[in-house]
Amino acid sequence: MRDTTKHQGLRNQLATTLQEKGITDANVLDAVRKIPRHLFIDSSFEAHAYQDKAFPIAADQTISHPYTVAFQSQVLEVEEGEKILEIGTGSGYQTAVLLELKAEVYTIERQHELFKKTSMFLPKLGYRPKRFVFGDGYKGLPDEAPFDKVIVTAGAPFVPKPLLAQLKVGGKLLIPVGDGEQVMTLFIRKSPLEFEKHELGDFRFVPMLKKKN
């Protein structure tokens, strides 16, 4: 797995592009500079790996635009040691960003092909989530709850109640909601029964797989 000074230079350029688009969190930008994104995608796309583009990966899924990953990471305001649940591991790039931000990451993937591939790939780069689960993201991970933050990296047709229920008071759920184009939506748990909701603009994600019966 090659990571050259050229790749590092391209990452620096990408971080500058993200700054120009409004990413201000220095820790998120540092993570973008460190993580070899070209290794997370098919080698045929390597020449474009550090452009702000999404690319296909296995199982008809995509690796998100770097801006989208950086935006979600910035909105979460990740603090060292926080317990974060990620719904939709995908290529593992967002997982790597969360780990670079020194979070304790629990991640769920529904596509078995991706689960196998990414669970073997991430440790080769030194990225080790606390738990890597093949399962249903709509259900969250109740046996590990509560979480400081929950991040969903696929377009959800509705907000799964278990994900809200698994937040600590003061915790955040960040989820793209809608069919086709989604609205990035932030929920902050203010009390056991009260949530504050913020809509943060339109994004486009692959659909979150339908809930298992």
N, C-alpha and C. Protein backbone atom coordinates (compact mmCIF):
# COMPACT_ATOMS: atom_id res chain seq x y z
N MET A 1 0.85 -1.19 0.00
CA MET A 1 0.00 0.00 0.00
C MET A 1 0.88 1.23 0.00
N ARG A 2 0.91 1.92 -1.13
CA ARG A 2 1.82 3.05 -1.30
C ARG A 2 1.17 4.36 -0.87
N ASP A 3 1.92 5.13 -0.09
CA ASP A 3 1.49 6.48 0.26
C ASP A 3 2.72 7.37 0.11
N THR A 4 2.76 8.12 -0.96
CA THR A 4 3.96 8.86 -1.34
C THR A 4 3.87 10.33 -0.92
N THR A 5 4.97 11.05 -1.08
CA THR A 5 4.95 12.49 -0.80
C THR A 5 3.99 13.21 -1.75
N LYS A 6 3.82 12.68 -2.96
CA LYS A 6 2.85 13.26 -3.89
C LYS A 6 1.44 13.15 -3.31
N HIS A 7 1.10 11.97 -2.79
CA HIS A 7 -0.21 11.78 -2.17
C HIS A 7 -0.40 12.76 -1.01
N GLN A 8 0.65 12.90 -0.21
CA GLN A 8 0.56 13.81 0.94
C GLN A 8 0.34 15.25 0.50
N GLY A 9 1.00 15.64 -0.58
CA GLY A 9 0.81 16.98 -1.13
C GLY A 9 -0.61 17.19 -1.63
N LEU A 10 -1.17 16.16 -2.26
CA LEU A 10 -2.55 16.24 -2.74
C LEU A 10 -3.54 16.34 -1.57
N ARG A 11 -3.23 15.67 -0.47
CA ARG A 11 -4.09 15.77 0.72
C ARG A 11 -4.05 17.19 1.29
N ASN A 12 -2.87 17.79 1.29
CA ASN A 12 -2.77 19.17 1.76
C ASN A 12 -3.63 20.09 0.89
N GLN A 13 -3.59 19.87 -0.42
CA GLN A 13 -4.41 20.68 -1.33
C GLN A 13 -5.91 20.46 -1.05
N LEU A 14 -6.27 19.19 -0.80
CA LEU A 14 -7.67 18.89 -0.49
C LEU A 14 -8.11 19.61 0.78
N ALA A 15 -7.26 19.60 1.80
CA ALA A 15 -7.60 20.29 3.05
C ALA A 15 -7.80 21.79 2.80
N THR A 16 -6.98 22.37 1.95
CA THR A 16 -7.14 23.78 1.60
C THR A 16 -8.47 24.03 0.90
N THR A 17 -8.83 23.13 -0.02
CA THR A 17 -10.12 23.23 -0.72
C THR A 17 -11.27 23.16 0.28
N LEU A 18 -11.18 22.26 1.25
CA LEU A 18 -12.25 22.12 2.24
C LEU A 18 -12.35 23.36 3.12
N GLN A 19 -11.21 23.96 3.45
CA GLN A 19 -11.23 25.22 4.19
C GLN A 19 -11.97 26.30 3.40
N GLU A 20 -11.70 26.36 2.12
CA GLU A 20 -12.35 27.36 1.27
C GLU A 20 -13.86 27.13 1.19
N LYS A 21 -14.28 25.88 1.40
CA LYS A 21 -15.71 25.55 1.38
C LYS A 21 -16.37 25.67 2.75
N GLY A 22 -15.59 26.09 3.75
CA GLY A 22 -16.19 26.38 5.05
C GLY A 22 -15.85 25.43 6.19
N ILE A 23 -14.93 24.49 5.97
CA ILE A 23 -14.52 23.61 7.07
C ILE A 23 -13.46 24.34 7.88
N THR A 24 -13.74 24.57 9.15
CA THR A 24 -12.85 25.36 10.01
C THR A 24 -12.24 24.55 11.15
N ASP A 25 -12.74 23.35 11.42
CA ASP A 25 -12.24 22.53 12.53
C ASP A 25 -10.84 22.03 12.20
N ALA A 26 -9.86 22.53 12.94
CA ALA A 26 -8.46 22.19 12.65
C ALA A 26 -8.19 20.70 12.79
N ASN A 27 -8.85 20.05 13.74
CA ASN A 27 -8.62 18.61 13.93
C ASN A 27 -9.17 17.80 12.76
N VAL A 28 -10.31 18.22 12.22
CA VAL A 28 -10.89 17.54 11.04
C VAL A 28 -9.96 17.73 9.85
N LEU A 29 -9.46 18.94 9.64
CA LEU A 29 -8.56 19.20 8.53
C LEU A 29 -7.26 18.41 8.68
N ASP A 30 -6.77 18.28 9.90
CA ASP A 30 -5.56 17.47 10.14
C ASP A 30 -5.82 16.01 9.79
N ALA A 31 -7.02 15.51 10.12
CA ALA A 31 -7.36 14.12 9.79
C ALA A 31 -7.37 13.91 8.28
N VAL A 32 -7.93 14.89 7.54
CA VAL A 32 -7.95 14.81 6.08
C VAL A 32 -6.51 14.77 5.54
N ARG A 33 -5.63 15.53 6.15
CA ARG A 33 -4.23 15.56 5.71
C ARG A 33 -3.51 14.24 5.99
N LYS A 34 -3.95 13.52 7.00
CA LYS A 34 -3.24 12.29 7.42
C LYS A 34 -3.71 11.04 6.70
N ILE A 35 -5.01 10.96 6.40
CA ILE A 35 -5.60 9.68 5.97
C ILE A 35 -5.42 9.48 4.46
N PRO A 36 -4.81 8.37 4.05
CA PRO A 36 -4.57 8.10 2.62
C PRO A 36 -5.84 7.66 1.89
N ARG A 37 -6.65 8.64 1.50
CA ARG A 37 -7.96 8.33 0.90
C ARG A 37 -7.83 7.48 -0.36
N HIS A 38 -6.71 7.60 -1.07
CA HIS A 38 -6.57 6.82 -2.30
C HIS A 38 -6.57 5.32 -2.04
N LEU A 39 -6.24 4.92 -0.81
CA LEU A 39 -6.22 3.50 -0.48
C LEU A 39 -7.63 2.96 -0.18
N PHE A 40 -8.59 3.86 0.00
CA PHE A 40 -9.96 3.45 0.33
C PHE A 40 -10.81 3.23 -0.93
N ILE A 41 -10.27 3.54 -2.10
CA ILE A 41 -11.04 3.43 -3.33
C ILE A 41 -10.29 2.54 -4.33
N ASP A 42 -10.98 2.16 -5.39
CA ASP A 42 -10.37 1.36 -6.44
C ASP A 42 -9.18 2.11 -7.05
N SER A 43 -8.12 1.39 -7.33
CA SER A 43 -6.91 2.03 -7.84
C SER A 43 -7.14 2.76 -9.17
N SER A 44 -8.18 2.37 -9.91
CA SER A 44 -8.45 3.05 -11.18
C SER A 44 -8.91 4.49 -10.98
N PHE A 45 -9.33 4.83 -9.77
CA PHE A 45 -9.75 6.19 -9.46
C PHE A 45 -8.67 7.00 -8.75
N GLU A 46 -7.48 6.39 -8.58
CA GLU A 46 -6.47 7.01 -7.72
C GLU A 46 -6.12 8.44 -8.14
N ALA A 47 -6.08 8.71 -9.44
CA ALA A 47 -5.70 10.05 -9.92
C ALA A 47 -6.69 11.11 -9.44
N HIS A 48 -7.91 10.70 -9.09
CA HIS A 48 -8.94 11.64 -8.67
C HIS A 48 -9.23 11.57 -7.17
N ALA A 49 -8.47 10.78 -6.44
CA ALA A 49 -8.80 10.45 -5.05
C ALA A 49 -8.87 11.67 -4.14
N TYR A 50 -8.09 12.71 -4.47
CA TYR A 50 -8.04 13.88 -3.59
C TYR A 50 -8.80 15.07 -4.16
N GLN A 51 -9.69 14.80 -5.10
CA GLN A 51 -10.66 15.80 -5.51
C GLN A 51 -11.91 15.62 -4.64
N ASP A 52 -12.71 16.66 -4.57
CA ASP A 52 -13.91 16.59 -3.73
C ASP A 52 -15.03 15.88 -4.49
N LYS A 53 -14.85 14.56 -4.62
CA LYS A 53 -15.78 13.72 -5.37
C LYS A 53 -16.13 12.48 -4.56
N ALA A 54 -17.33 11.95 -4.85
CA ALA A 54 -17.69 10.63 -4.35
C ALA A 54 -17.29 9.59 -5.39
N PHE A 55 -17.01 8.36 -4.95
CA PHE A 55 -16.63 7.28 -5.87
C PHE A 55 -17.34 5.99 -5.49
N PRO A 56 -17.63 5.14 -6.48
CA PRO A 56 -18.21 3.84 -6.16
C PRO A 56 -17.21 2.95 -5.43
N ILE A 57 -17.75 2.17 -4.49
CA ILE A 57 -16.96 1.12 -3.83
C ILE A 57 -17.74 -0.18 -3.99
N ALA A 58 -17.46 -1.18 -3.21
CA ALA A 58 -18.14 -2.47 -3.37
C ALA A 58 -19.63 -2.37 -3.01
N ALA A 59 -20.38 -3.36 -3.46
CA ALA A 59 -21.78 -3.56 -3.08
C ALA A 59 -22.68 -2.38 -3.45
N ASP A 60 -22.38 -1.73 -4.59
CA ASP A 60 -23.19 -0.61 -5.08
C ASP A 60 -23.27 0.56 -4.10
N GLN A 61 -22.24 0.71 -3.28
CA GLN A 61 -22.17 1.81 -2.33
C GLN A 61 -21.13 2.82 -2.82
N THR A 62 -21.00 3.94 -2.08
CA THR A 62 -20.02 4.96 -2.47
C THR A 62 -19.21 5.40 -1.26
N ILE A 63 -18.03 5.96 -1.54
CA ILE A 63 -17.29 6.71 -0.54
C ILE A 63 -17.72 8.16 -0.74
N SER A 64 -18.13 8.81 0.34
CA SER A 64 -18.71 10.15 0.24
C SER A 64 -17.68 11.18 -0.19
N HIS A 65 -18.20 12.33 -0.69
CA HIS A 65 -17.34 13.48 -0.96
C HIS A 65 -16.53 13.81 0.30
N PRO A 66 -15.27 14.17 0.16
CA PRO A 66 -14.51 14.61 1.33
C PRO A 66 -15.20 15.74 2.10
N TYR A 67 -15.85 16.67 1.35
CA TYR A 67 -16.54 17.76 2.04
C TYR A 67 -17.64 17.22 2.95
N THR A 68 -18.40 16.24 2.47
CA THR A 68 -19.49 15.68 3.27
C THR A 68 -18.95 15.04 4.54
N VAL A 69 -17.87 14.27 4.41
CA VAL A 69 -17.26 13.63 5.58
C VAL A 69 -16.77 14.70 6.56
N ALA A 70 -16.09 15.70 6.03
CA ALA A 70 -15.56 16.76 6.88
C ALA A 70 -16.69 17.56 7.54
N PHE A 71 -17.75 17.83 6.78
CA PHE A 71 -18.88 18.58 7.32
C PHE A 71 -19.54 17.81 8.47
N GLN A 72 -19.82 16.54 8.26
CA GLN A 72 -20.45 15.75 9.32
C GLN A 72 -19.54 15.68 10.55
N SER A 73 -18.25 15.50 10.31
CA SER A 73 -17.30 15.40 11.43
C SER A 73 -17.24 16.72 12.19
N GLN A 74 -17.27 17.83 11.47
CA GLN A 74 -17.21 19.14 12.12
C GLN A 74 -18.47 19.41 12.94
N VAL A 75 -19.63 19.08 12.38
CA VAL A 75 -20.89 19.31 13.09
C VAL A 75 -20.95 18.50 14.39
N LEU A 76 -20.39 17.30 14.37
CA LEU A 76 -20.42 16.45 15.57
C LEU A 76 -19.59 17.03 16.72
N GLU A 77 -18.61 17.89 16.39
CA GLU A 77 -17.74 18.47 17.42
C GLU A 77 -17.16 17.36 18.32
N VAL A 78 -16.45 16.45 17.69
CA VAL A 78 -15.91 15.27 18.38
C VAL A 78 -14.85 15.68 19.39
N GLU A 79 -14.98 15.15 20.59
CA GLU A 79 -13.98 15.36 21.64
C GLU A 79 -13.30 14.03 21.95
N GLU A 80 -12.05 14.12 22.36
CA GLU A 80 -11.26 12.92 22.63
C GLU A 80 -11.95 12.02 23.63
N GLY A 81 -12.01 10.73 23.30
CA GLY A 81 -12.57 9.74 24.20
C GLY A 81 -14.08 9.57 24.12
N GLU A 82 -14.75 10.39 23.29
CA GLU A 82 -16.20 10.24 23.19
C GLU A 82 -16.58 8.92 22.54
N LYS A 83 -17.70 8.40 22.97
CA LYS A 83 -18.22 7.12 22.48
C LYS A 83 -19.16 7.43 21.32
N ILE A 84 -18.76 7.03 20.10
CA ILE A 84 -19.52 7.39 18.90
C ILE A 84 -19.97 6.14 18.16
N LEU A 85 -21.25 6.12 17.80
CA LEU A 85 -21.82 5.05 16.98
C LEU A 85 -21.92 5.54 15.55
N GLU A 86 -21.32 4.79 14.63
CA GLU A 86 -21.40 5.10 13.20
C GLU A 86 -22.30 4.08 12.52
N ILE A 87 -23.31 4.58 11.82
CA ILE A 87 -24.22 3.70 11.06
C ILE A 87 -23.84 3.79 9.59
N GLY A 88 -23.29 2.69 9.06
CA GLY A 88 -22.86 2.64 7.66
C GLY A 88 -21.36 2.83 7.54
N THR A 89 -20.61 1.77 7.84
CA THR A 89 -19.14 1.86 7.80
C THR A 89 -18.64 2.14 6.39
N GLY A 90 -19.26 1.47 5.40
CA GLY A 90 -18.84 1.67 4.02
C GLY A 90 -17.38 1.35 3.82
N SER A 91 -16.66 2.26 3.17
CA SER A 91 -15.23 2.06 2.89
C SER A 91 -14.38 2.14 4.16
N GLY A 92 -14.92 2.78 5.20
CA GLY A 92 -14.16 2.99 6.43
C GLY A 92 -13.49 4.34 6.52
N TYR A 93 -13.66 5.19 5.50
CA TYR A 93 -12.98 6.50 5.52
C TYR A 93 -13.51 7.39 6.64
N GLN A 94 -14.84 7.47 6.78
CA GLN A 94 -15.39 8.27 7.88
C GLN A 94 -14.98 7.68 9.23
N THR A 95 -14.93 6.36 9.31
CA THR A 95 -14.48 5.70 10.54
C THR A 95 -13.07 6.15 10.89
N ALA A 96 -12.19 6.18 9.88
CA ALA A 96 -10.81 6.60 10.09
C ALA A 96 -10.74 8.04 10.58
N VAL A 97 -11.58 8.92 10.02
CA VAL A 97 -11.60 10.31 10.47
C VAL A 97 -11.99 10.38 11.95
N LEU A 98 -13.02 9.65 12.34
CA LEU A 98 -13.45 9.65 13.74
C LEU A 98 -12.35 9.13 14.65
N LEU A 99 -11.63 8.11 14.20
CA LEU A 99 -10.54 7.56 15.00
C LEU A 99 -9.38 8.55 15.09
N GLU A 100 -9.10 9.27 14.01
CA GLU A 100 -8.07 10.32 14.07
C GLU A 100 -8.46 11.43 15.04
N LEU A 101 -9.77 11.63 15.22
CA LEU A 101 -10.25 12.62 16.18
C LEU A 101 -10.27 12.07 17.61
N LYS A 102 -9.74 10.85 17.75
CA LYS A 102 -9.55 10.19 19.05
C LYS A 102 -10.86 9.79 19.73
N ALA A 103 -11.87 9.50 18.91
CA ALA A 103 -13.12 8.98 19.44
C ALA A 103 -13.01 7.47 19.67
N GLU A 104 -13.90 6.96 20.51
CA GLU A 104 -14.06 5.51 20.69
C GLU A 104 -15.22 5.12 19.76
N VAL A 105 -14.89 4.42 18.66
CA VAL A 105 -15.86 4.24 17.58
C VAL A 105 -16.45 2.83 17.57
N TYR A 106 -17.78 2.80 17.50
CA TYR A 106 -18.54 1.57 17.30
C TYR A 106 -19.21 1.74 15.94
N THR A 107 -19.00 0.80 15.03
CA THR A 107 -19.48 1.01 13.67
C THR A 107 -20.25 -0.21 13.16
N ILE A 108 -21.35 0.06 12.43
CA ILE A 108 -22.24 -0.99 11.93
C ILE A 108 -22.32 -0.92 10.41
N GLU A 109 -22.21 -2.08 9.76
CA GLU A 109 -22.35 -2.16 8.31
C GLU A 109 -23.34 -3.28 7.97
N ARG A 110 -24.29 -3.00 7.05
CA ARG A 110 -25.30 -3.98 6.66
C ARG A 110 -24.90 -4.84 5.47
N GLN A 111 -24.00 -4.34 4.63
CA GLN A 111 -23.57 -5.09 3.44
C GLN A 111 -22.43 -6.04 3.84
N HIS A 112 -22.68 -7.34 3.74
CA HIS A 112 -21.67 -8.29 4.23
C HIS A 112 -20.37 -8.20 3.47
N GLU A 113 -20.45 -7.96 2.15
CA GLU A 113 -19.24 -7.84 1.34
C GLU A 113 -18.38 -6.68 1.85
N LEU A 114 -19.01 -5.55 2.12
CA LEU A 114 -18.28 -4.39 2.64
C LEU A 114 -17.77 -4.63 4.05
N PHE A 115 -18.61 -5.25 4.87
CA PHE A 115 -18.20 -5.56 6.26
C PHE A 115 -16.91 -6.38 6.28
N LYS A 116 -16.86 -7.43 5.46
CA LYS A 116 -15.67 -8.28 5.43
C LYS A 116 -14.45 -7.51 4.93
N LYS A 117 -14.66 -6.76 3.84
CA LYS A 117 -13.54 -6.04 3.23
C LYS A 117 -12.98 -4.97 4.16
N THR A 118 -13.86 -4.16 4.72
CA THR A 118 -13.41 -3.02 5.53
C THR A 118 -12.89 -3.46 6.88
N SER A 119 -13.49 -4.49 7.46
CA SER A 119 -13.02 -4.96 8.78
C SER A 119 -11.61 -5.54 8.70
N MET A 120 -11.22 -6.01 7.52
CA MET A 120 -9.84 -6.49 7.33
C MET A 120 -8.90 -5.36 6.92
N PHE A 121 -9.44 -4.37 6.19
CA PHE A 121 -8.62 -3.30 5.64
C PHE A 121 -8.20 -2.27 6.69
N LEU A 122 -9.14 -1.81 7.50
CA LEU A 122 -8.83 -0.73 8.44
C LEU A 122 -7.67 -1.04 9.37
N PRO A 123 -7.60 -2.25 9.97
CA PRO A 123 -6.47 -2.53 10.86
C PRO A 123 -5.11 -2.49 10.16
N LYS A 124 -5.10 -2.76 8.85
CA LYS A 124 -3.84 -2.69 8.10
C LYS A 124 -3.29 -1.27 8.07
N LEU A 125 -4.19 -0.28 8.20
CA LEU A 125 -3.76 1.12 8.25
C LEU A 125 -3.60 1.62 9.68
N GLY A 126 -3.83 0.73 10.64
CA GLY A 126 -3.69 1.11 12.04
C GLY A 126 -4.96 1.66 12.66
N TYR A 127 -6.11 1.50 11.98
CA TYR A 127 -7.37 2.01 12.50
C TYR A 127 -8.20 0.86 13.07
N ARG A 128 -8.48 0.96 14.36
CA ARG A 128 -9.17 -0.14 15.05
C ARG A 128 -10.37 0.38 15.84
N PRO A 129 -11.57 0.28 15.27
CA PRO A 129 -12.77 0.64 16.03
C PRO A 129 -12.89 -0.22 17.28
N LYS A 130 -13.59 0.30 18.26
CA LYS A 130 -13.84 -0.47 19.48
C LYS A 130 -14.65 -1.73 19.16
N ARG A 131 -15.67 -1.55 18.30
CA ARG A 131 -16.42 -2.70 17.80
C ARG A 131 -16.79 -2.48 16.35
N PHE A 132 -16.74 -3.54 15.57
CA PHE A 132 -17.12 -3.51 14.16
C PHE A 132 -18.20 -4.58 14.00
N VAL A 133 -19.42 -4.14 13.68
CA VAL A 133 -20.58 -5.03 13.73
C VAL A 133 -21.22 -5.18 12.36
N PHE A 134 -21.53 -6.42 11.98
CA PHE A 134 -22.37 -6.67 10.82
C PHE A 134 -23.80 -6.74 11.33
N GLY A 135 -24.61 -5.74 10.98
CA GLY A 135 -25.96 -5.72 11.54
C GLY A 135 -26.83 -4.63 10.96
N ASP A 136 -27.96 -4.43 11.59
CA ASP A 136 -29.02 -3.53 11.13
C ASP A 136 -28.86 -2.16 11.78
N GLY A 137 -28.49 -1.18 10.97
CA GLY A 137 -28.26 0.15 11.49
C GLY A 137 -29.50 0.81 12.08
N TYR A 138 -30.69 0.41 11.63
CA TYR A 138 -31.91 0.99 12.17
C TYR A 138 -32.08 0.66 13.66
N LYS A 139 -31.46 -0.44 14.09
CA LYS A 139 -31.58 -0.87 15.49
C LYS A 139 -30.50 -0.27 16.38
N GLY A 140 -29.46 0.30 15.75
CA GLY A 140 -28.35 0.81 16.55
C GLY A 140 -27.60 -0.31 17.24
N LEU A 141 -27.08 -0.02 18.41
CA LEU A 141 -26.31 -1.00 19.17
C LEU A 141 -26.70 -0.88 20.65
N PRO A 142 -27.90 -1.38 21.00
CA PRO A 142 -28.43 -1.15 22.35
C PRO A 142 -27.56 -1.69 23.46
N ASP A 143 -26.82 -2.78 23.19
CA ASP A 143 -26.00 -3.35 24.26
C ASP A 143 -24.77 -2.50 24.59
N GLU A 144 -24.46 -1.52 23.76
CA GLU A 144 -23.34 -0.62 24.03
C GLU A 144 -23.80 0.80 24.39
N ALA A 145 -25.09 1.06 24.31
CA ALA A 145 -25.62 2.40 24.59
C ALA A 145 -25.47 2.71 26.09
N PRO A 146 -25.46 4.01 26.45
CA PRO A 146 -25.71 5.18 25.60
C PRO A 146 -24.44 5.68 24.92
N PHE A 147 -24.62 6.48 23.86
CA PHE A 147 -23.52 7.06 23.10
C PHE A 147 -23.51 8.58 23.24
N ASP A 148 -22.31 9.14 23.14
CA ASP A 148 -22.19 10.60 23.11
C ASP A 148 -22.69 11.17 21.79
N LYS A 149 -22.39 10.45 20.71
CA LYS A 149 -22.76 10.92 19.38
C LYS A 149 -23.15 9.71 18.53
N VAL A 150 -24.07 9.92 17.58
CA VAL A 150 -24.41 8.92 16.56
C VAL A 150 -24.35 9.62 15.21
N ILE A 151 -23.65 9.01 14.26
CA ILE A 151 -23.55 9.56 12.90
C ILE A 151 -24.05 8.52 11.92
N VAL A 152 -24.93 8.96 11.01
CA VAL A 152 -25.48 8.07 9.97
C VAL A 152 -24.92 8.54 8.63
N THR A 153 -24.37 7.61 7.85
CA THR A 153 -23.69 7.96 6.61
C THR A 153 -24.43 7.43 5.37
N ALA A 154 -25.75 7.27 5.51
CA ALA A 154 -26.60 6.89 4.38
C ALA A 154 -27.92 7.64 4.53
N GLY A 155 -28.63 7.81 3.41
CA GLY A 155 -29.88 8.54 3.43
C GLY A 155 -31.00 7.73 4.05
N ALA A 156 -31.52 8.20 5.16
CA ALA A 156 -32.57 7.47 5.88
C ALA A 156 -33.94 8.02 5.50
N PRO A 157 -34.92 7.17 5.19
CA PRO A 157 -36.26 7.64 4.85
C PRO A 157 -36.99 8.26 6.05
N PHE A 158 -36.55 7.88 7.25
CA PHE A 158 -37.12 8.43 8.49
C PHE A 158 -36.04 8.31 9.57
N VAL A 159 -36.30 8.92 10.70
CA VAL A 159 -35.33 8.90 11.81
C VAL A 159 -35.63 7.68 12.69
N PRO A 160 -34.73 6.71 12.75
CA PRO A 160 -34.98 5.53 13.58
C PRO A 160 -35.02 5.89 15.07
N LYS A 161 -36.11 5.55 15.73
CA LYS A 161 -36.26 5.88 17.15
C LYS A 161 -35.18 5.25 18.03
N PRO A 162 -34.72 4.02 17.73
CA PRO A 162 -33.67 3.46 18.58
C PRO A 162 -32.39 4.31 18.62
N LEU A 163 -32.08 5.01 17.51
CA LEU A 163 -30.87 5.83 17.50
C LEU A 163 -31.02 7.03 18.43
N LEU A 164 -32.21 7.61 18.46
CA LEU A 164 -32.47 8.69 19.41
C LEU A 164 -32.42 8.17 20.85
N ALA A 165 -33.00 6.99 21.05
CA ALA A 165 -33.07 6.42 22.39
C ALA A 165 -31.69 6.07 22.95
N GLN A 166 -30.74 5.79 22.05
CA GLN A 166 -29.41 5.36 22.50
C GLN A 166 -28.44 6.52 22.74
N LEU A 167 -28.94 7.77 22.64
CA LEU A 167 -28.12 8.94 22.93
C LEU A 167 -28.12 9.26 24.41
N LYS A 168 -26.97 9.71 24.92
CA LYS A 168 -26.92 10.30 26.25
C LYS A 168 -27.65 11.64 26.23
N VAL A 169 -28.10 12.11 27.37
CA VAL A 169 -28.59 13.48 27.47
C VAL A 169 -27.41 14.40 27.14
N GLY A 170 -27.64 15.34 26.23
CA GLY A 170 -26.56 16.18 25.73
C GLY A 170 -25.92 15.64 24.47
N GLY A 171 -26.28 14.41 24.10
CA GLY A 171 -25.70 13.77 22.92
C GLY A 171 -26.32 14.25 21.63
N LYS A 172 -25.65 13.91 20.52
CA LYS A 172 -26.07 14.37 19.19
C LYS A 172 -26.25 13.19 18.24
N LEU A 173 -27.33 13.26 17.45
CA LEU A 173 -27.53 12.36 16.32
C LEU A 173 -27.49 13.20 15.06
N LEU A 174 -26.61 12.84 14.13
CA LEU A 174 -26.51 13.54 12.84
C LEU A 174 -26.89 12.56 11.75
N ILE A 175 -27.95 12.90 11.00
CA ILE A 175 -28.52 11.93 10.06
C ILE A 175 -29.08 12.64 8.83
N PRO A 176 -28.76 12.17 7.62
CA PRO A 176 -29.40 12.70 6.41
C PRO A 176 -30.77 12.04 6.23
N VAL A 177 -31.83 12.86 6.18
CA VAL A 177 -33.18 12.32 6.17
C VAL A 177 -33.88 12.68 4.86
N GLY A 178 -34.46 11.67 4.20
CA GLY A 178 -35.23 11.91 2.99
C GLY A 178 -34.97 10.87 1.92
N ASP A 179 -35.83 10.83 0.92
CA ASP A 179 -35.65 9.95 -0.23
C ASP A 179 -35.05 10.76 -1.37
N GLY A 180 -34.11 10.19 -2.10
CA GLY A 180 -33.44 10.91 -3.19
C GLY A 180 -32.42 11.88 -2.63
N GLU A 181 -32.82 13.14 -2.48
CA GLU A 181 -31.97 14.12 -1.81
C GLU A 181 -32.39 14.18 -0.35
N GLN A 182 -31.40 14.34 0.54
CA GLN A 182 -31.71 14.34 1.96
C GLN A 182 -31.40 15.70 2.60
N VAL A 183 -32.04 15.95 3.73
CA VAL A 183 -31.72 17.11 4.55
C VAL A 183 -30.85 16.62 5.71
N MET A 184 -29.65 17.17 5.83
CA MET A 184 -28.79 16.82 6.96
C MET A 184 -29.43 17.37 8.23
N THR A 185 -29.72 16.49 9.15
CA THR A 185 -30.50 16.86 10.33
C THR A 185 -29.74 16.49 11.61
N LEU A 186 -29.68 17.45 12.52
CA LEU A 186 -29.00 17.26 13.79
C LEU A 186 -30.03 17.27 14.91
N PHE A 187 -30.00 16.22 15.73
CA PHE A 187 -30.83 16.15 16.93
C PHE A 187 -29.91 16.22 18.15
N ILE A 188 -30.27 17.06 19.09
CA ILE A 188 -29.52 17.16 20.35
C ILE A 188 -30.47 16.75 21.47
N ARG A 189 -30.06 15.77 22.27
CA ARG A 189 -30.94 15.31 23.35
C ARG A 189 -30.81 16.26 24.55
N LYS A 190 -31.87 16.99 24.82
CA LYS A 190 -31.84 18.00 25.89
C LYS A 190 -32.25 17.41 27.24
N SER A 191 -33.03 16.35 27.21
CA SER A 191 -33.50 15.68 28.43
C SER A 191 -33.94 14.28 28.02
N PRO A 192 -34.33 13.42 28.96
CA PRO A 192 -34.78 12.08 28.56
C PRO A 192 -35.89 12.08 27.51
N LEU A 193 -36.73 13.13 27.48
CA LEU A 193 -37.87 13.14 26.57
C LEU A 193 -37.83 14.25 25.53
N GLU A 194 -36.84 15.13 25.60
CA GLU A 194 -36.84 16.31 24.75
C GLU A 194 -35.63 16.34 23.83
N PHE A 195 -35.89 16.63 22.53
CA PHE A 195 -34.83 16.73 21.54
C PHE A 195 -34.94 18.07 20.81
N GLU A 196 -33.78 18.66 20.54
CA GLU A 196 -33.71 19.88 19.74
C GLU A 196 -33.31 19.47 18.32
N LYS A 197 -33.97 20.05 17.32
CA LYS A 197 -33.75 19.64 15.93
C LYS A 197 -33.22 20.81 15.11
N HIS A 198 -32.19 20.55 14.30
CA HIS A 198 -31.61 21.56 13.41
C HIS A 198 -31.47 20.96 12.02
N GLU A 199 -31.91 21.68 10.99
CA GLU A 199 -31.73 21.24 9.60
C GLU A 199 -30.57 22.02 8.99
N LEU A 200 -29.63 21.28 8.37
CA LEU A 200 -28.33 21.86 7.99
C LEU A 200 -28.06 21.82 6.49
N GLY A 201 -29.10 21.74 5.69
CA GLY A 201 -28.89 21.81 4.25
C GLY A 201 -29.08 20.48 3.55
N ASP A 202 -29.11 20.54 2.21
CA ASP A 202 -29.38 19.38 1.37
C ASP A 202 -28.09 18.64 1.01
N PHE A 203 -28.16 17.32 1.06
CA PHE A 203 -27.04 16.46 0.69
C PHE A 203 -27.61 15.27 -0.09
N ARG A 204 -26.73 14.50 -0.69
CA ARG A 204 -27.17 13.31 -1.42
C ARG A 204 -26.30 12.12 -1.01
N PHE A 205 -26.95 11.11 -0.44
CA PHE A 205 -26.29 9.88 0.00
C PHE A 205 -26.94 8.69 -0.68
N VAL A 206 -26.23 7.56 -0.69
CA VAL A 206 -26.89 6.32 -1.08
C VAL A 206 -27.94 5.99 -0.01
N PRO A 207 -29.02 5.29 -0.37
CA PRO A 207 -30.08 5.02 0.61
C PRO A 207 -29.61 4.09 1.72
N MET A 208 -30.09 4.36 2.92
CA MET A 208 -29.90 3.43 4.04
C MET A 208 -30.75 2.19 3.75
N LEU A 209 -30.14 1.03 3.87
CA LEU A 209 -30.86 -0.21 3.54
C LEU A 209 -32.10 -0.37 4.40
N LYS A 210 -33.14 -0.96 3.81
CA LYS A 210 -34.40 -1.08 4.51
C LYS A 210 -34.24 -1.91 5.77
N LYS A 211 -35.06 -1.55 6.73
CA LYS A 211 -35.03 -2.21 8.04
C LYS A 211 -35.38 -3.69 7.88
N LYS A 212 -34.64 -4.53 8.61
CA LYS A 212 -34.97 -5.96 8.62
C LYS A 212 -36.21 -6.16 9.49
N ASN A 213 -36.98 -7.18 9.13
CA ASN A 213 -38.16 -7.49 9.94
C ASN A 213 -37.75 -8.10 11.26
